[in-house]
N, C-alpha and C. Protein backbone atom coordinates (compact mmCIF):
# COMPACT_ATOMS: atom_id res chain seq x y z
N MET A 1 13.37 -14.02 27.93
CA MET A 1 13.33 -13.65 26.53
C MET A 1 11.90 -13.43 26.09
N ALA A 2 11.55 -12.31 25.57
CA ALA A 2 10.15 -11.90 25.26
C ALA A 2 9.90 -12.43 23.89
N LYS A 3 8.63 -12.83 23.68
CA LYS A 3 8.16 -13.49 22.37
C LYS A 3 8.25 -12.17 21.33
N GLU A 4 8.66 -12.74 20.12
CA GLU A 4 8.61 -11.71 19.07
C GLU A 4 7.19 -11.30 18.46
N PHE A 5 6.34 -12.37 18.49
CA PHE A 5 5.05 -12.04 18.01
C PHE A 5 4.09 -12.74 18.86
N SER A 6 2.91 -12.05 19.16
CA SER A 6 1.90 -12.72 20.03
C SER A 6 1.10 -13.72 19.27
N ARG A 7 0.40 -14.58 19.91
CA ARG A 7 -0.30 -15.49 19.25
C ARG A 7 -1.34 -15.12 18.17
N THR A 8 -2.00 -14.03 18.49
CA THR A 8 -2.94 -13.38 17.53
C THR A 8 -2.34 -13.01 16.23
N ASP A 9 -0.96 -12.42 16.43
CA ASP A 9 -0.19 -11.99 15.27
C ASP A 9 0.17 -13.23 14.43
N ARG A 10 0.59 -14.23 14.98
CA ARG A 10 0.89 -15.46 14.20
C ARG A 10 -0.35 -16.04 13.51
N ILE A 11 -1.46 -16.05 14.24
CA ILE A 11 -2.72 -16.59 13.60
C ILE A 11 -3.20 -15.64 12.45
N ALA A 12 -3.01 -14.30 12.71
CA ALA A 12 -3.36 -13.36 11.63
C ALA A 12 -2.57 -13.57 10.29
N ASP A 13 -1.28 -13.88 10.61
CA ASP A 13 -0.33 -14.10 9.38
C ASP A 13 -0.75 -15.32 8.69
N GLN A 14 -1.11 -16.41 9.44
CA GLN A 14 -1.54 -17.63 8.78
C GLN A 14 -2.82 -17.51 8.03
N ILE A 15 -3.74 -16.69 8.61
CA ILE A 15 -5.09 -16.47 7.99
C ILE A 15 -4.84 -15.73 6.66
N GLN A 16 -3.91 -14.76 6.81
CA GLN A 16 -3.62 -13.92 5.61
C GLN A 16 -3.13 -14.77 4.40
N ARG A 17 -2.17 -15.67 4.67
CA ARG A 17 -1.60 -16.49 3.69
C ARG A 17 -2.64 -17.41 3.14
N ASP A 18 -3.38 -18.04 4.08
CA ASP A 18 -4.44 -19.23 3.57
C ASP A 18 -5.49 -18.39 2.80
N LEU A 19 -6.03 -17.29 3.37
CA LEU A 19 -7.12 -16.68 2.69
C LEU A 19 -6.73 -16.11 1.29
N ALA A 20 -5.45 -15.60 1.08
CA ALA A 20 -5.02 -15.08 -0.17
C ALA A 20 -5.27 -16.25 -1.18
N GLU A 21 -4.71 -17.36 -0.72
CA GLU A 21 -4.75 -18.50 -1.60
C GLU A 21 -6.27 -19.02 -1.87
N LEU A 22 -7.06 -19.01 -0.84
CA LEU A 22 -8.35 -19.48 -1.02
C LEU A 22 -9.23 -18.48 -1.95
N ILE A 23 -9.10 -17.29 -1.79
CA ILE A 23 -9.69 -16.31 -2.58
C ILE A 23 -9.33 -16.43 -4.12
N ARG A 24 -8.00 -16.74 -4.30
CA ARG A 24 -7.41 -16.91 -5.63
C ARG A 24 -8.07 -18.13 -6.28
N SER A 25 -8.06 -19.25 -5.52
CA SER A 25 -8.40 -20.66 -6.11
C SER A 25 -9.87 -21.00 -5.89
N SER A 26 -10.51 -20.61 -4.82
CA SER A 26 -11.86 -21.24 -4.52
C SER A 26 -12.94 -20.48 -4.94
N ILE A 27 -12.83 -19.15 -5.01
CA ILE A 27 -13.85 -18.24 -5.34
C ILE A 27 -13.98 -18.12 -6.82
N LYS A 28 -15.01 -18.63 -7.41
CA LYS A 28 -15.03 -18.54 -8.88
C LYS A 28 -15.85 -17.46 -9.42
N ASP A 29 -16.37 -16.46 -8.62
CA ASP A 29 -17.07 -15.45 -9.17
C ASP A 29 -16.24 -14.43 -9.93
N PRO A 30 -16.55 -14.16 -11.26
CA PRO A 30 -15.81 -13.25 -11.99
C PRO A 30 -15.84 -11.89 -11.72
N ARG A 31 -16.85 -11.43 -10.81
CA ARG A 31 -17.01 -10.04 -10.52
C ARG A 31 -15.88 -9.67 -9.42
N ILE A 32 -15.41 -10.68 -8.84
CA ILE A 32 -14.35 -10.30 -7.80
C ILE A 32 -12.95 -9.84 -8.39
N GLY A 33 -12.63 -10.48 -9.34
CA GLY A 33 -11.25 -10.05 -9.92
C GLY A 33 -10.05 -10.41 -9.10
N MET A 34 -9.01 -9.48 -9.35
CA MET A 34 -7.82 -9.67 -8.65
C MET A 34 -7.79 -8.99 -7.35
N VAL A 35 -7.82 -9.69 -6.21
CA VAL A 35 -7.86 -9.17 -4.84
C VAL A 35 -6.60 -9.54 -4.13
N THR A 36 -6.08 -8.68 -3.55
CA THR A 36 -4.75 -8.76 -2.53
C THR A 36 -5.28 -8.67 -1.13
N VAL A 37 -4.78 -9.52 -0.36
CA VAL A 37 -5.01 -9.42 1.08
C VAL A 37 -3.85 -8.75 1.68
N ASN A 38 -4.00 -7.55 2.11
CA ASN A 38 -2.93 -6.69 2.61
C ASN A 38 -2.65 -6.99 4.12
N GLN A 39 -3.66 -7.13 4.92
CA GLN A 39 -3.41 -7.28 6.37
C GLN A 39 -4.63 -8.04 6.83
N VAL A 40 -4.40 -8.79 7.98
CA VAL A 40 -5.45 -9.29 8.76
C VAL A 40 -5.19 -8.91 10.24
N VAL A 41 -6.23 -8.43 10.77
CA VAL A 41 -6.15 -8.07 12.28
C VAL A 41 -7.08 -8.92 13.06
N VAL A 42 -6.60 -9.72 13.98
CA VAL A 42 -7.49 -10.75 14.62
C VAL A 42 -7.70 -10.22 16.12
N ALA A 43 -8.84 -10.29 16.58
CA ALA A 43 -9.22 -9.88 17.95
C ALA A 43 -8.48 -10.84 18.91
N ARG A 44 -8.19 -10.23 20.09
CA ARG A 44 -7.51 -11.07 21.17
C ARG A 44 -8.41 -12.34 21.53
N ASP A 45 -9.71 -12.32 21.48
CA ASP A 45 -10.56 -13.39 21.80
C ASP A 45 -10.80 -14.28 20.79
N LEU A 46 -10.20 -14.01 19.47
CA LEU A 46 -10.21 -14.84 18.25
C LEU A 46 -11.79 -14.80 17.85
N GLY A 47 -12.62 -13.87 18.20
CA GLY A 47 -14.05 -13.82 17.78
C GLY A 47 -14.26 -13.36 16.38
N TYR A 48 -13.33 -12.35 15.88
CA TYR A 48 -13.44 -11.91 14.62
C TYR A 48 -12.12 -11.54 14.05
N SER A 49 -12.02 -11.35 12.75
CA SER A 49 -10.79 -10.82 12.15
C SER A 49 -11.23 -9.84 11.00
N ASP A 50 -10.58 -8.74 11.05
CA ASP A 50 -10.74 -7.71 10.05
C ASP A 50 -9.62 -8.00 8.88
N VAL A 51 -10.24 -8.24 7.73
CA VAL A 51 -9.37 -8.47 6.60
C VAL A 51 -9.43 -7.25 5.72
N TYR A 52 -8.16 -6.76 5.49
CA TYR A 52 -8.12 -5.49 4.58
C TYR A 52 -7.52 -5.94 3.22
N VAL A 53 -8.32 -5.65 2.23
CA VAL A 53 -7.94 -6.05 0.80
C VAL A 53 -7.91 -4.92 -0.07
N THR A 54 -7.10 -5.04 -1.23
CA THR A 54 -7.04 -4.00 -2.25
C THR A 54 -7.48 -4.69 -3.48
N LEU A 55 -7.78 -3.99 -4.48
CA LEU A 55 -8.11 -4.51 -6.00
C LEU A 55 -7.10 -4.08 -6.96
N LEU A 56 -6.61 -4.98 -7.70
CA LEU A 56 -5.64 -4.57 -8.70
C LEU A 56 -6.34 -4.31 -9.92
N THR A 57 -6.44 -3.02 -10.16
CA THR A 57 -7.12 -2.58 -11.35
C THR A 57 -6.13 -1.57 -12.05
N VAL A 58 -6.50 -0.99 -13.25
CA VAL A 58 -5.71 0.06 -13.89
C VAL A 58 -6.00 1.38 -13.19
N GLU A 59 -7.19 1.65 -12.96
CA GLU A 59 -7.58 3.00 -12.37
C GLU A 59 -7.41 3.00 -10.79
N ASP A 60 -7.21 4.06 -10.23
CA ASP A 60 -7.23 4.29 -8.78
C ASP A 60 -8.63 4.25 -8.24
N LEU A 61 -8.83 3.39 -7.33
CA LEU A 61 -10.06 3.15 -6.76
C LEU A 61 -10.21 3.73 -5.35
N THR A 62 -11.40 4.14 -4.97
CA THR A 62 -11.65 4.66 -3.54
C THR A 62 -12.58 3.68 -2.94
N ALA A 63 -12.81 3.89 -1.59
CA ALA A 63 -13.81 3.00 -0.94
C ALA A 63 -15.20 3.23 -1.44
N ASP A 64 -15.45 4.27 -2.22
CA ASP A 64 -16.70 4.65 -2.67
C ASP A 64 -17.03 4.25 -4.13
N SER A 65 -16.00 3.59 -4.68
CA SER A 65 -16.12 3.16 -6.05
C SER A 65 -17.03 1.98 -6.14
N GLU A 66 -17.83 1.91 -7.16
CA GLU A 66 -18.79 0.75 -7.30
C GLU A 66 -18.16 -0.61 -7.33
N GLN A 67 -16.97 -0.68 -7.96
CA GLN A 67 -16.30 -1.95 -8.08
C GLN A 67 -15.87 -2.33 -6.67
N VAL A 68 -15.41 -1.43 -5.96
CA VAL A 68 -14.88 -1.85 -4.50
C VAL A 68 -16.23 -2.27 -3.60
N LYS A 69 -17.21 -1.51 -3.73
CA LYS A 69 -18.33 -1.87 -2.99
C LYS A 69 -18.99 -3.22 -3.30
N LEU A 70 -19.04 -3.56 -4.62
CA LEU A 70 -19.44 -4.89 -5.09
C LEU A 70 -18.52 -6.01 -4.64
N THR A 71 -17.22 -5.74 -4.80
CA THR A 71 -16.23 -6.72 -4.32
C THR A 71 -16.35 -7.06 -2.82
N ILE A 72 -16.45 -5.93 -2.02
CA ILE A 72 -16.45 -6.12 -0.58
C ILE A 72 -17.76 -6.81 -0.24
N LYS A 73 -18.73 -6.41 -0.91
CA LYS A 73 -20.11 -7.11 -0.53
C LYS A 73 -20.11 -8.64 -0.92
N LEU A 74 -19.45 -9.02 -2.08
CA LEU A 74 -19.32 -10.41 -2.49
C LEU A 74 -18.43 -11.18 -1.44
N LEU A 75 -17.26 -10.48 -0.95
CA LEU A 75 -16.35 -11.19 -0.06
C LEU A 75 -16.95 -11.43 1.21
N ASN A 76 -17.71 -10.43 1.74
CA ASN A 76 -18.50 -10.64 2.95
C ASN A 76 -19.57 -11.69 2.81
N GLY A 77 -20.28 -11.82 1.70
CA GLY A 77 -21.09 -12.65 1.50
C GLY A 77 -20.55 -14.11 1.43
N ALA A 78 -19.25 -14.32 0.98
CA ALA A 78 -18.51 -15.60 1.01
C ALA A 78 -17.81 -15.84 2.24
N ALA A 79 -17.86 -14.98 3.20
CA ALA A 79 -17.07 -15.13 4.46
C ALA A 79 -17.32 -16.33 5.18
N GLY A 80 -18.65 -16.86 5.22
CA GLY A 80 -18.97 -18.10 5.78
C GLY A 80 -18.22 -19.32 5.12
N PHE A 81 -18.15 -19.36 3.76
CA PHE A 81 -17.59 -20.22 3.03
C PHE A 81 -16.12 -20.32 3.22
N LEU A 82 -15.43 -19.13 3.13
CA LEU A 82 -14.01 -18.92 3.42
C LEU A 82 -13.63 -19.35 4.89
N ARG A 83 -14.50 -19.04 5.80
CA ARG A 83 -14.27 -19.44 7.26
C ARG A 83 -14.21 -20.92 7.29
N SER A 84 -15.17 -21.57 6.71
CA SER A 84 -15.29 -23.14 6.84
C SER A 84 -14.07 -23.83 6.01
N GLU A 85 -13.64 -23.10 4.97
CA GLU A 85 -12.36 -23.60 4.35
C GLU A 85 -11.15 -23.39 5.13
N LEU A 86 -11.07 -22.29 5.84
CA LEU A 86 -9.87 -21.96 6.71
C LEU A 86 -9.80 -22.95 7.82
N SER A 87 -11.05 -23.40 8.34
CA SER A 87 -11.08 -24.39 9.40
C SER A 87 -10.54 -25.78 9.05
N ARG A 88 -10.48 -25.96 7.74
CA ARG A 88 -9.88 -27.33 7.32
C ARG A 88 -8.33 -27.01 7.20
N LEU A 89 -7.87 -25.88 7.06
CA LEU A 89 -6.39 -25.64 6.73
C LEU A 89 -5.71 -25.23 8.12
N ILE A 90 -6.47 -24.56 9.02
CA ILE A 90 -5.81 -24.16 10.32
C ILE A 90 -6.36 -24.95 11.39
N LYS A 91 -5.58 -25.52 12.16
CA LYS A 91 -6.04 -26.32 13.37
C LYS A 91 -6.20 -25.40 14.54
N LEU A 92 -7.36 -24.78 14.71
CA LEU A 92 -7.75 -23.91 15.90
C LEU A 92 -9.10 -24.40 16.39
N ARG A 93 -9.43 -24.15 17.58
CA ARG A 93 -10.73 -24.46 18.16
C ARG A 93 -11.88 -23.76 17.51
N THR A 94 -11.70 -22.50 17.39
CA THR A 94 -12.51 -21.56 16.71
C THR A 94 -11.81 -20.67 15.61
N ILE A 95 -12.46 -20.58 14.55
CA ILE A 95 -11.93 -19.70 13.49
C ILE A 95 -12.61 -18.50 13.57
N PRO A 96 -11.90 -17.33 13.62
CA PRO A 96 -12.67 -15.92 13.66
C PRO A 96 -13.53 -15.65 12.62
N GLN A 97 -14.62 -14.92 12.87
CA GLN A 97 -15.45 -14.51 11.85
C GLN A 97 -14.69 -13.52 10.98
N LEU A 98 -14.98 -13.47 9.72
CA LEU A 98 -14.26 -12.59 8.80
C LEU A 98 -15.01 -11.39 8.27
N ARG A 99 -14.46 -10.29 8.39
CA ARG A 99 -15.07 -9.00 8.08
C ARG A 99 -14.14 -8.32 7.08
N PHE A 100 -14.55 -8.11 5.86
CA PHE A 100 -13.64 -7.56 4.76
C PHE A 100 -13.85 -6.01 4.71
N HIS A 101 -12.74 -5.36 4.56
CA HIS A 101 -12.62 -3.84 4.36
C HIS A 101 -11.72 -3.60 3.19
N PHE A 102 -12.01 -2.47 2.46
CA PHE A 102 -11.09 -1.96 1.59
C PHE A 102 -10.10 -1.19 2.10
N ASP A 103 -8.75 -1.53 1.65
CA ASP A 103 -7.55 -0.81 2.18
C ASP A 103 -7.08 0.15 1.25
N ALA A 104 -7.26 1.48 1.64
CA ALA A 104 -6.92 2.51 0.72
C ALA A 104 -5.39 2.96 0.79
N SER A 105 -4.69 2.35 1.73
CA SER A 105 -3.26 2.76 1.99
C SER A 105 -2.41 2.59 0.62
N VAL A 106 -2.80 1.59 -0.22
CA VAL A 106 -1.90 1.45 -1.38
C VAL A 106 -2.14 2.64 -2.38
N ARG A 107 -3.40 3.05 -2.48
CA ARG A 107 -3.60 4.29 -3.28
C ARG A 107 -3.07 5.42 -2.68
N ASP A 108 -3.17 5.68 -1.46
CA ASP A 108 -2.62 6.82 -0.70
C ASP A 108 -0.99 6.73 -0.89
N GLY A 109 -0.38 5.72 -0.78
CA GLY A 109 1.09 5.65 -0.96
C GLY A 109 1.45 5.94 -2.38
N ARG A 110 0.63 5.56 -3.43
CA ARG A 110 0.97 5.90 -4.73
C ARG A 110 0.87 7.41 -4.95
N ILE A 111 -0.23 8.10 -4.31
CA ILE A 111 -0.39 9.53 -4.39
C ILE A 111 0.89 10.17 -3.69
N LEU A 112 1.21 9.78 -2.57
CA LEU A 112 2.50 10.26 -1.93
C LEU A 112 3.68 10.09 -2.73
N ASP A 113 3.90 9.01 -3.32
CA ASP A 113 5.09 8.72 -4.08
C ASP A 113 5.13 9.72 -5.32
N ASN A 114 3.98 9.94 -5.96
CA ASN A 114 3.97 10.94 -7.07
C ASN A 114 4.30 12.26 -6.54
N LEU A 115 3.80 12.62 -5.39
CA LEU A 115 4.05 14.03 -4.89
C LEU A 115 5.51 14.14 -4.64
N ILE A 116 6.13 13.09 -3.98
CA ILE A 116 7.57 13.13 -3.71
C ILE A 116 8.44 13.21 -4.97
N THR A 117 8.01 12.46 -5.95
CA THR A 117 8.80 12.42 -7.29
C THR A 117 8.68 13.86 -8.01
N ARG A 118 7.55 14.43 -7.80
CA ARG A 118 7.50 15.77 -8.58
C ARG A 118 8.16 16.78 -7.78
N ALA A 119 8.20 16.70 -6.35
CA ALA A 119 8.91 17.59 -5.61
C ALA A 119 10.48 17.45 -5.77
N ARG A 120 10.85 16.23 -6.09
CA ARG A 120 12.36 15.96 -6.40
C ARG A 120 12.71 16.56 -7.70
N LYS A 121 11.71 16.27 -8.65
CA LYS A 121 12.12 16.86 -10.07
C LYS A 121 12.14 18.39 -10.02
N LYS A 122 11.30 18.98 -9.26
CA LYS A 122 11.22 20.40 -9.11
C LYS A 122 12.42 20.94 -8.26
N ASP A 123 12.92 20.21 -7.44
CA ASP A 123 14.08 20.67 -6.57
C ASP A 123 15.36 20.56 -7.42
N GLU A 124 15.39 19.43 -8.32
CA GLU A 124 16.54 19.27 -9.18
C GLU A 124 16.63 20.41 -10.22
N SER A 125 15.37 20.82 -10.65
CA SER A 125 15.37 21.84 -11.77
C SER A 125 15.89 23.22 -11.07
N TYR A 126 15.53 23.42 -9.78
CA TYR A 126 16.02 24.59 -9.17
C TYR A 126 17.49 24.48 -8.87
N GLN A 127 17.96 23.43 -8.50
CA GLN A 127 19.42 23.20 -8.46
C GLN A 127 20.20 23.39 -9.72
N ASP A 128 19.67 22.89 -10.86
CA ASP A 128 20.28 23.17 -12.07
C ASP A 128 20.36 24.64 -12.50
N THR A 129 19.35 25.33 -12.25
CA THR A 129 19.23 26.80 -12.60
C THR A 129 20.19 27.52 -11.63
N ASP A 130 20.15 27.18 -10.39
CA ASP A 130 21.06 27.77 -9.38
C ASP A 130 22.54 27.60 -9.74
N ALA A 131 22.86 26.32 -10.23
CA ALA A 131 24.20 25.96 -10.49
C ALA A 131 24.58 26.73 -11.86
N SER A 132 23.66 26.74 -12.66
CA SER A 132 24.10 27.56 -14.03
C SER A 132 24.12 29.09 -13.69
N ASN A 133 23.30 29.53 -12.83
CA ASN A 133 23.51 31.11 -12.43
C ASN A 133 24.68 31.21 -11.73
N ALA A 134 25.17 30.43 -10.72
CA ALA A 134 26.35 30.57 -10.14
C ALA A 134 27.59 30.55 -10.99
N ALA A 135 27.58 29.61 -12.05
CA ALA A 135 28.62 29.46 -12.96
C ALA A 135 28.80 30.75 -13.83
N GLU A 136 27.46 31.38 -14.31
CA GLU A 136 27.64 32.47 -15.02
C GLU A 136 27.97 33.55 -14.15
N GLY A 137 27.62 33.68 -13.01
CA GLY A 137 28.00 34.81 -12.00
C GLY A 137 29.37 34.79 -11.57
N SER A 138 30.06 33.54 -11.44
CA SER A 138 31.37 33.65 -11.04
C SER A 138 32.29 33.74 -12.16
N GLY A 139 31.87 33.44 -13.35
CA GLY A 139 32.68 33.82 -14.57
C GLY A 139 32.72 35.21 -14.90
N SER A 140 31.58 35.97 -14.77
CA SER A 140 31.54 37.38 -15.03
C SER A 140 32.15 38.14 -13.87
N SER A 141 32.12 37.71 -12.64
CA SER A 141 32.61 38.57 -11.57
C SER A 141 34.17 38.41 -11.58
N GLY A 142 34.49 37.17 -12.04
CA GLY A 142 36.12 36.94 -12.18
C GLY A 142 36.69 37.86 -13.17
N ASN A 143 35.92 38.03 -14.29
CA ASN A 143 36.43 38.75 -15.49
C ASN A 143 36.47 40.27 -15.05
N SER A 144 35.54 40.73 -14.39
CA SER A 144 35.35 42.12 -13.99
C SER A 144 36.53 42.38 -13.03
N SER A 145 36.90 41.49 -12.05
CA SER A 145 37.97 41.83 -11.20
C SER A 145 39.32 41.79 -11.97
N GLU A 146 39.49 40.91 -12.95
CA GLU A 146 40.70 41.01 -13.64
C GLU A 146 40.77 42.21 -14.45
N ALA A 147 39.74 42.60 -14.99
CA ALA A 147 39.70 43.82 -15.67
C ALA A 147 40.04 44.94 -14.85
N LYS A 148 39.48 45.04 -13.65
CA LYS A 148 39.94 46.09 -12.73
C LYS A 148 41.30 46.04 -12.29
N GLY A 149 41.82 44.85 -12.09
CA GLY A 149 43.22 44.66 -11.76
C GLY A 149 44.10 45.16 -12.94
N SER A 150 43.86 45.00 -14.12
CA SER A 150 44.69 45.30 -15.27
C SER A 150 44.56 46.83 -15.57
N GLU A 151 43.58 47.42 -15.05
CA GLU A 151 43.31 48.87 -15.32
C GLU A 151 44.37 49.60 -14.38
N SER A 152 44.58 49.09 -13.12
CA SER A 152 45.31 49.89 -12.19
C SER A 152 46.76 49.83 -12.42
């Protein structure tokens, strides 16, 4: 029977859960704001882990936004502290070095969702106009055939 998850996947999931809680509770810097840990990818040798985060804000942010750059810089600066806190929570011989990255997939997903919604609305409006045209067309063609039948 094959394993469902590799060891690095299980470690990544545990780091993601613990890191999300640590960022929320232990980092007191008000410039960081609401951060969501979306994914953690751990190297096979456990030397490093890439942590993908998003920021919960009103406006759509890109990786070039000043707020994103500042938050990633602050998280990378706090990586040593977070790593030492993780070592208390996770019993591993070595805790991977943390590298934070902005995850734009949430923003991209929102854009795709808006495009799909607009396309569906446009498709529904075309179907409505086609249905009304077909109803008008079948009503007038039926009347004209009845008129022709009554004339003969």
